[in-house]
C-alpha atoms as a PDB file:
ATOM      1  CA  MET A   1       4.712 187.944 102.382  1.00  0.00           C
ATOM      2  CA  ARG A   2       7.237 188.863 105.397  1.00  0.00           C
ATOM      3  CA  ALA A   3       7.509 185.462 106.608  1.00  0.00           C
ATOM      4  CA  PRO A   4       8.469 183.495 103.898  1.00  0.00           C
ATOM      5  CA  ARG A   5      10.735 186.111 102.860  1.00  0.00           C
ATOM      6  CA  LEU A   6      12.850 185.727 106.449  1.00  0.00           C
ATOM      7  CA  ALA A   7      12.190 182.099 105.841  1.00  0.00           C
ATOM      8  CA  LEU A   8      13.790 182.644 102.294  1.00  0.00           C
ATOM      9  CA  ALA A   9      17.388 184.989 103.965  1.00  0.00           C
ATOM     10  CA  PHE A  10      17.626 182.737 106.360  1.00  0.00           C
ATOM     11  CA  LEU A  11      18.229 179.575 103.972  1.00  0.00           C
ATOM     12  CA  ALA A  12      20.435 181.662 101.989  1.00  0.00           C
ATOM     13  CA  ALA A  13      21.929 182.812 104.802  1.00  0.00           C
ATOM     14  CA  ALA A  14      22.438 179.356 105.903  1.00  0.00           C
ATOM     15  CA  LEU A  15      23.884 177.564 102.193  1.00  0.00           C
ATOM     16  CA  PRO A  16      27.447 178.158 102.924  1.00  0.00           C
ATOM     17  CA  ALA A  17      27.489 175.839 105.662  1.00  0.00           C
ATOM     18  CA  LEU A  18      25.546 173.658 103.831  1.00  0.00           C
ATOM     19  CA  ALA A  19      27.971 172.876 101.403  1.00  0.00           C
ATOM     20  CA  ASP A  20      29.918 170.101 100.412  1.00  0.00           C
ATOM     21  CA  PRO A  21      33.608 171.007 102.442  1.00  0.00           C
ATOM     22  CA  ALA A  22      36.606 171.897 100.027  1.00  0.00           C
ATOM     23  CA  PRO A  23      39.129 169.510  99.754  1.00  0.00           C
ATOM     24  CA  THR A  24      42.045 169.514 101.815  1.00  0.00           C
ATOM     25  CA  LEU A  25      45.326 167.696 101.735  1.00  0.00           C
ATOM     26  CA  GLN A  26      47.596 167.076 105.423  1.00  0.00           C
ATOM     27  CA  LEU A  27      50.755 165.362 105.044  1.00  0.00           C
ATOM     28  CA  ASP A  28      51.647 164.549 109.077  1.00  0.00           C
ATOM     29  CA  TYR A  29      55.542 164.192 109.255  1.00  0.00           C
ATOM     30  CA  SER A  30      57.562 162.604 112.460  1.00  0.00           C
ATOM     31  CA  ASN A  31      61.378 161.937 112.791  1.00  0.00           C
ATOM     32  CA  PRO A  32      62.527 162.116 116.564  1.00  0.00           C
ATOM     33  CA  GLY A  33      65.973 162.410 115.150  1.00  0.00           C
ATOM     34  CA  LEU A  34      65.571 165.764 113.170  1.00  0.00           C
ATOM     35  CA  THR A  35      64.793 169.387 114.718  1.00  0.00           C
ATOM     36  CA  PRO A  36      61.740 169.683 114.783  1.00  0.00           C
ATOM     37  CA  SER A  37      60.828 166.403 114.812  1.00  0.00           C
ATOM     38  CA  HIS A  38      57.121 166.280 114.145  1.00  0.00           C
ATOM     39  CA  TRP A  39      55.109 168.792 111.600  1.00  0.00           C
ATOM     40  CA  VAL A  40      52.009 169.122 109.982  1.00  0.00           C
ATOM     41  CA  LEU A  41      51.807 170.535 106.864  1.00  0.00           C
ATOM     42  CA  THR A  42      47.968 171.338 105.545  1.00  0.00           C
ATOM     43  CA  LEU A  43      47.233 172.104 101.755  1.00  0.00           C
ATOM     44  CA  SER A  44      44.041 173.507  99.629  1.00  0.00           C
ATOM     45  CA  PRO A  45      43.944 173.111  95.852  1.00  0.00           C
ATOM     46  CA  ASP A  46      44.008 177.262  95.556  1.00  0.00           C
ATOM     47  CA  GLY A  47      47.523 176.536  97.073  1.00  0.00           C
ATOM     48  CA  THR A  48      46.715 178.054 100.937  1.00  0.00           C
ATOM     49  CA  GLY A  49      47.830 176.064 103.877  1.00  0.00           C
ATOM     50  CA  HIS A  50      48.733 176.395 106.969  1.00  0.00           C
ATOM     51  CA  PHE A  51      52.181 174.551 108.785  1.00  0.00           C
ATOM     52  CA  ARG A  52      52.570 173.267 112.327  1.00  0.00           C
ATOM     53  CA  SER A  53      56.020 171.989 113.552  1.00  0.00           C
ATOM     54  CA  GLU A  54      57.173 170.854 117.130  1.00  0.00           C
ATOM     55  CA  ARG A  55      60.437 171.177 117.586  1.00  0.00           C
ATOM     56  CA  GLY A  56      60.623 167.988 120.350  1.00  0.00           C
ATOM     57  CA  ASN A  57      63.745 166.855 122.537  1.00  0.00           C
ATOM     58  CA  ALA A  58      66.402 166.531 120.139  1.00  0.00           C
ATOM     59  CA  PRO A  59      69.414 167.947 121.042  1.00  0.00           C
ATOM     60  CA  LEU A  60      70.996 171.788 120.332  1.00  0.00           C
ATOM     61  CA  ASP A  61      73.281 171.557 118.524  1.00  0.00           C
ATOM     62  CA  ALA A  62      75.578 174.313 118.964  1.00  0.00           C
ATOM     63  CA  SER A  63      77.415 174.014 115.697  1.00  0.00           C
ATOM     64  CA  GLN A  64      73.395 175.190 113.718  1.00  0.00           C
ATOM     65  CA  GLY A  65      73.926 178.108 115.862  1.00  0.00           C
ATOM     66  CA  PHE A  66      70.090 179.731 116.648  1.00  0.00           C
ATOM     67  CA  GLN A  67      67.660 177.474 115.331  1.00  0.00           C
ATOM     68  CA  ALA A  68      63.511 178.502 115.089  1.00  0.00           C
ATOM     69  CA  ALA A  69      60.847 177.839 117.177  1.00  0.00           C
ATOM     70  CA  ASN A  70      58.413 176.324 117.222  1.00  0.00           C
ATOM     71  CA  VAL A  71      56.845 177.568 114.223  1.00  0.00           C
ATOM     72  CA  ASP A  72      53.065 178.082 113.512  1.00  0.00           C
ATOM     73  CA  ARG A  73      51.105 180.115 110.891  1.00  0.00           C
ATOM     74  CA  ASP A  74      49.458 180.284 107.596  1.00  0.00           C
ATOM     75  CA  ILE A  75      51.211 179.904 104.318  1.00  0.00           C
ATOM     76  CA  LYS A  76      50.715 180.135 100.266  1.00  0.00           C
ATOM     77  CA  VAL A  77      52.169 177.690  96.987  1.00  0.00           C
ATOM     78  CA  SER A  78      51.593 178.452  93.995  1.00  0.00           C
ATOM     79  CA  GLY A  79      47.921 177.518  92.568  1.00  0.00           C
ATOM     80  CA  GLU A  80      49.795 175.430  89.697  1.00  0.00           C
ATOM     81  CA  PHE A  81      51.799 173.592  92.055  1.00  0.00           C
ATOM     82  CA  ALA A  82      48.790 172.480  94.719  1.00  0.00           C
ATOM     83  CA  ALA A  83      46.969 171.248  91.428  1.00  0.00           C
ATOM     84  CA  ARG A  84      49.259 169.203  90.869  1.00  0.00           C
ATOM     85  CA  VAL A  85      49.059 168.469  94.001  1.00  0.00           C
ATOM     86  CA  PHE A  86      45.711 167.427  94.395  1.00  0.00           C
ATOM     87  CA  GLU A  87      45.371 165.563  90.915  1.00  0.00           C
ATOM     88  CA  THR A  88      48.495 162.761  92.195  1.00  0.00           C
ATOM     89  CA  VAL A  89      46.035 162.120  95.414  1.00  0.00           C
ATOM     90  CA  HIS A  90      43.237 162.294  93.130  1.00  0.00           C
ATOM     91  CA  GLN A  91      44.810 159.638  90.307  1.00  0.00           C
ATOM     92  CA  GLN A  92      45.917 157.473  93.514  1.00  0.00           C
ATOM     93  CA  LYS A  93      41.733 157.169  94.627  1.00  0.00           C
ATOM     94  CA  ASN A  94      42.198 160.251  97.549  1.00  0.00           C
ATOM     95  CA  LEU A  95      45.063 157.920  99.182  1.00  0.00           C
ATOM     96  CA  ALA A  96      42.122 155.056 100.097  1.00  0.00           C
ATOM     97  CA  SER A  97      45.490 151.661 100.104  1.00  0.00           C
ATOM     98  CA  ASN A  98      48.205 151.173 101.383  1.00  0.00           C
ATOM     99  CA  CYS A  99      51.406 152.076 100.546  1.00  0.00           C
ATOM    100  CA  GLU A 100      54.235 151.034 102.800  1.00  0.00           C
ATOM    101  CA  SER A 101      56.674 149.379 100.665  1.00  0.00           C
ATOM    102  CA  HIS A 102      57.861 147.204 104.096  1.00  0.00           C
ATOM    103  CA  LEU A 103      61.373 147.124 101.922  1.00  0.00           C
ATOM    104  CA  LYS A 104      64.710 147.157 104.002  1.00  0.00           C
ATOM    105  CA  VAL A 105      65.573 150.889 103.523  1.00  0.00           C
ATOM    106  CA  ALA A 106      66.867 153.897 105.503  1.00  0.00           C
ATOM    107  CA  PHE A 107      64.578 155.839 108.008  1.00  0.00           C
ATOM    108  CA  GLN A 108      62.516 158.618 106.524  1.00  0.00           C
ATOM    109  CA  GLY A 109      60.596 159.440 109.257  1.00  0.00           C
ATOM    110  CA  TRP A 110      56.851 158.297 108.875  1.00  0.00           C
ATOM    111  CA  LYS A 111      54.871 160.549 106.856  1.00  0.00           C
ATOM    112  CA  LYS A 112      50.603 160.078 106.809  1.00  0.00           C
ATOM    113  CA  LEU A 113      48.932 161.865 103.852  1.00  0.00           C
ATOM    114  CA  SER A 114      45.450 162.300 104.352  1.00  0.00           C
ATOM    115  CA  TYR A 115      42.835 163.392 102.163  1.00  0.00           C
ATOM    116  CA  SER A 116      39.452 164.438 102.929  1.00  0.00           C
ATOM    117  CA  GLY A 117      36.675 166.381 100.527  1.00  0.00           C
ATOM    118  CA  PRO A 118      33.732 166.043  99.111  1.00  0.00           C
ATOM    119  CA  ASP A 119      34.776 162.804  96.574  1.00  0.00           C
ATOM    120  CA  GLY A 120      34.968 160.841  99.886  1.00  0.00           C
ATOM    121  CA  THR A 121      38.211 160.185 102.412  1.00  0.00           C
ATOM    122  CA  GLY A 122      41.268 158.207 102.429  1.00  0.00           C
ATOM    123  CA  SER A 123      45.089 158.563 104.583  1.00  0.00           C
ATOM    124  CA  CYS A 124      48.084 155.974 104.187  1.00  0.00           C
ATOM    125  CA  THR A 125      51.906 155.580 106.331  1.00  0.00           C
ATOM    126  CA  PHE A 126      54.852 155.173 105.103  1.00  0.00           C
ATOM    127  CA  ASN A 127      58.343 154.987 105.271  1.00  0.00           C
ATOM    128  CA  TYR A 128      59.296 154.571 102.112  1.00  0.00           C
ATOM    129  CA  SER A 129      56.380 154.050  99.648  1.00  0.00           C
ATOM    130  CA  LYS A 130      56.101 151.992  97.046  1.00  0.00           C
ATOM    131  CA  ASP A 131      54.376 153.664  94.961  1.00  0.00           C
ATOM    132  CA  LYS A 132      56.195 155.676  92.931  1.00  0.00           C
ATOM    133  CA  ASP A 133      54.024 158.584  92.411  1.00  0.00           C
ATOM    134  CA  ILE A 134      53.407 158.313  96.528  1.00  0.00           C
ATOM    135  CA  GLN A 135      56.847 158.776  97.106  1.00  0.00           C
ATOM    136  CA  GLU A 136      57.387 161.228  95.721  1.00  0.00           C
ATOM    137  CA  LEU A 137      54.782 163.498  96.469  1.00  0.00           C
ATOM    138  CA  GLY A 138      55.860 162.557  99.942  1.00  0.00           C
ATOM    139  CA  GLU A 139      59.419 163.800  98.952  1.00  0.00           C
ATOM    140  CA  THR A 140      57.857 167.240  97.265  1.00  0.00           C
ATOM    141  CA  LEU A 141      55.706 167.925 100.080  1.00  0.00           C
ATOM    142  CA  VAL A 142      58.984 167.599 102.827  1.00  0.00           C
ATOM    143  CA  ALA A 143      60.636 169.795 100.535  1.00  0.00           C
ATOM    144  CA  VAL A 144      57.563 172.403 100.484  1.00  0.00           C
ATOM    145  CA  ALA A 145      58.050 171.911 104.264  1.00  0.00           C
ATOM    146  CA  GLY A 146      62.451 172.800 104.412  1.00  0.00           C
ATOM    147  CA  ALA A 147      61.214 175.571 102.521  1.00  0.00           C
ATOM    148  CA  ILE A 148      59.055 176.692 105.390  1.00  0.00           C
ATOM    149  CA  LEU A 149      61.168 176.237 107.993  1.00  0.00           C
ATOM    150  CA  GLU A 150      64.203 177.724 106.107  1.00  0.00           C
ATOM    151  CA  GLY A 151      62.175 180.545 106.339  1.00  0.00           C
ATOM    152  CA  ALA A 152      61.910 180.410 109.477  1.00  0.00           C
ATOM    153  CA  ARG A 153      65.365 180.481 110.783  1.00  0.00           C
ATOM    154  CA  LEU A 154      65.997 183.366 108.310  1.00  0.00           C
ATOM    155  CA  GLU A 155      63.849 184.971 110.286  1.00  0.00           C
ATOM    156  CA  VAL A 156      65.671 184.355 114.271  1.00  0.00           C
ATOM    157  CA  LEU A 157      68.474 185.033 111.956  1.00  0.00           C
ATOM    158  CA  LEU A 158      67.580 188.634 110.802  1.00  0.00           C
ATOM    159  CA  GLN A 159      66.692 189.208 114.142  1.00  0.00           C
ATOM    160  CA  HIS A 160      70.012 187.837 116.691  1.00  0.00           C
ATOM    161  CA  ASP A 161      72.566 186.729 113.829  1.00  0.00           C
ATOM    162  CA  ARG A 162      72.583 188.913 110.624  1.00  0.00           C
ATOM    163  CA  LEU A 163      75.938 187.774 109.988  1.00  0.00           C
ATOM    164  CA  GLY A 164      74.984 183.947 109.819  1.00  0.00           C
ATOM    165  CA  LEU A 165      71.863 185.312 107.025  1.00  0.00           C
ATOM    166  CA  ASP A 166      75.398 184.469 104.219  1.00  0.00           C
ATOM    167  CA  LYS A 167      76.089 181.070 105.355  1.00  0.00           C
ATOM    168  CA  GLU A 168      71.943 180.003 105.666  1.00  0.00           C
ATOM    169  CA  MET A 169      71.303 182.273 101.745  1.00  0.00           C
ATOM    170  CA  ASP A 170      74.530 180.082 100.473  1.00  0.00           C
ATOM    171  CA  TYR A 171      72.273 176.812 101.898  1.00  0.00           C
ATOM    172  CA  LEU A 172      68.812 177.724 100.138  1.00  0.00           C
ATOM    173  CA  MET A 173      70.701 179.101  97.011  1.00  0.00           C
ATOM    174  CA  GLU A 174      71.916 175.488  96.617  1.00  0.00           C
ATOM    175  CA  ALA A 175      69.111 173.642  98.282  1.00  0.00           C
ATOM    176  CA  SER A 176      66.734 175.932  95.993  1.00  0.00           C
ATOM    177  CA  GLY A 177      68.336 174.608  92.472  1.00  0.00           C
ATOM    178  CA  ASP A 178      68.591 170.980  93.425  1.00  0.00           C
ATOM    179  CA  GLY A 179      65.134 170.489  94.584  1.00  0.00           C
ATOM    180  CA  ARG A 180      66.015 170.191  98.270  1.00  0.00           C
ATOM    181  CA  VAL A 181      63.427 172.978  99.156  1.00  0.00           C
ATOM    182  CA  GLN A 182      60.493 173.362  97.018  1.00  0.00           C
ATOM    183  CA  GLN A 183      57.791 176.311  96.647  1.00  0.00           C
ATOM    184  CA  ILE A 184      60.337 179.285  97.768  1.00  0.00           C
ATOM    185  CA  CYS A 185      57.387 181.464  97.518  1.00  0.00           C
ATOM    186  CA  ALA A 186      56.079 180.020 100.538  1.00  0.00           C
ATOM    187  CA  ILE A 187      58.755 182.147 102.388  1.00  0.00           C
ATOM    188  CA  ARG A 188      58.511 185.116 100.300  1.00  0.00           C
ATOM    189  CA  GLY A 189      57.884 187.229 102.954  1.00  0.00           C
ATOM    190  CA  ILE A 190      61.255 187.314 104.771  1.00  0.00           C
ATOM    191  CA  LEU A 191      63.177 187.473 101.233  1.00  0.00           C
ATOM    192  CA  GLU A 192      61.335 190.905 100.845  1.00  0.00           C
ATOM    193  CA  ARG A 193      62.429 191.804 104.200  1.00  0.00           C
ATOM    194  CA  LEU A 194      66.020 190.532 103.624  1.00  0.00           C
ATOM    195  CA  ALA A 195      66.522 192.086  99.936  1.00  0.00           C
ATOM    196  CA  GLY A 196      65.540 195.520 100.973  1.00  0.00           C
ATOM    197  CA  ASP A 197      67.182 195.501 104.141  1.00  0.00           C
ATOM    198  CA  PRO A 198      70.032 198.215 104.060  1.00  0.00           C
ATOM    199  CA  GLU A 199      71.685 196.892 107.255  1.00  0.00           C
ATOM    200  CA  VAL A 200      72.126 193.209 105.697  1.00  0.00           C
ATOM    201  CA  MET A 201      75.641 192.200 103.407  1.00  0.00           C
ATOM    202  CA  GLU A 202      75.020 192.995 100.084  1.00  0.00           C
ATOM    203  CA  ARG A 203      75.107 189.691  98.982  1.00  0.00           C
ATOM    204  CA  VAL A 204      72.284 188.336 100.936  1.00  0.00           C
ATOM    205  CA  ARG A 205      70.731 190.861  99.454  1.00  0.00           C
ATOM    206  CA  LYS A 206      71.398 189.779  95.810  1.00  0.00           C
ATOM    207  CA  ARG A 207      70.522 186.710  96.812  1.00  0.00           C
ATOM    208  CA  ALA A 208      67.079 186.793  98.031  1.00  0.00           C
ATOM    209  CA  ARG A 209      66.668 188.947  94.995  1.00  0.00           C
ATOM    210  CA  LEU A 210      67.365 185.437  93.132  1.00  0.00           C
ATOM    211  CA  LEU A 211      65.421 183.398  95.309  1.00  0.00           C
ATOM    212  CA  LEU A 212      62.848 185.724  94.608  1.00  0.00           C
ATOM    213  CA  ALA A 213      62.705 185.678  90.928  1.00  0.00           C
ATOM    214  CA  ARG A 214      62.833 182.096  91.411  1.00  0.00           C
ATOM    215  CA  ALA A 215      59.908 182.164  92.967  1.00  0.00           C
ATOM    216  CA  ASP A 216      57.868 183.946  90.408  1.00  0.00           C
ATOM    217  CA  GLY A 217      59.458 182.069  87.930  1.00  0.00           C
END
């Protein structure tokens, strides 16, 4: 009886590896005129994901002060947000269609959306999509990346230019209010550090607390 039991044990250990891979969505964004010029945001249905950016060759702008280096980190957005994202992807037949409008519109950056899951794969690349849901999805994920990049910039300012935090938090408050940055919960860590740091301006600490309240709302 020992041999069958060992076989069952090996089979049980192998089952996770044989299971269908979890669905993932990736947005690969590139715009050589921006800093960073290229980044990749990957999400799973539970809200976990990863973000990686590459600064590129755009010239340094001294007026922008300190800039974050390349970012490479795990991130977490809300489960409700992730569910809406994947619902849109499934409604779009897992992105298995051409989504570029070919209209003469301003260049907004190339966005390649790629889906992979047990129900299939698909991808589409666009500057401006002819489908309003795909266009909105692209804009929303770009706004999430904007929040992550702002969080990285705040980390740099906290280390090298604490006075610069005041202006940056002004922008973050405004941008989170009008939708230019979304999913503030993705940068909860740096906001908590700012909110609890007695060595930064009280105005910065207050705005960090307000942003954390928005993240929890």
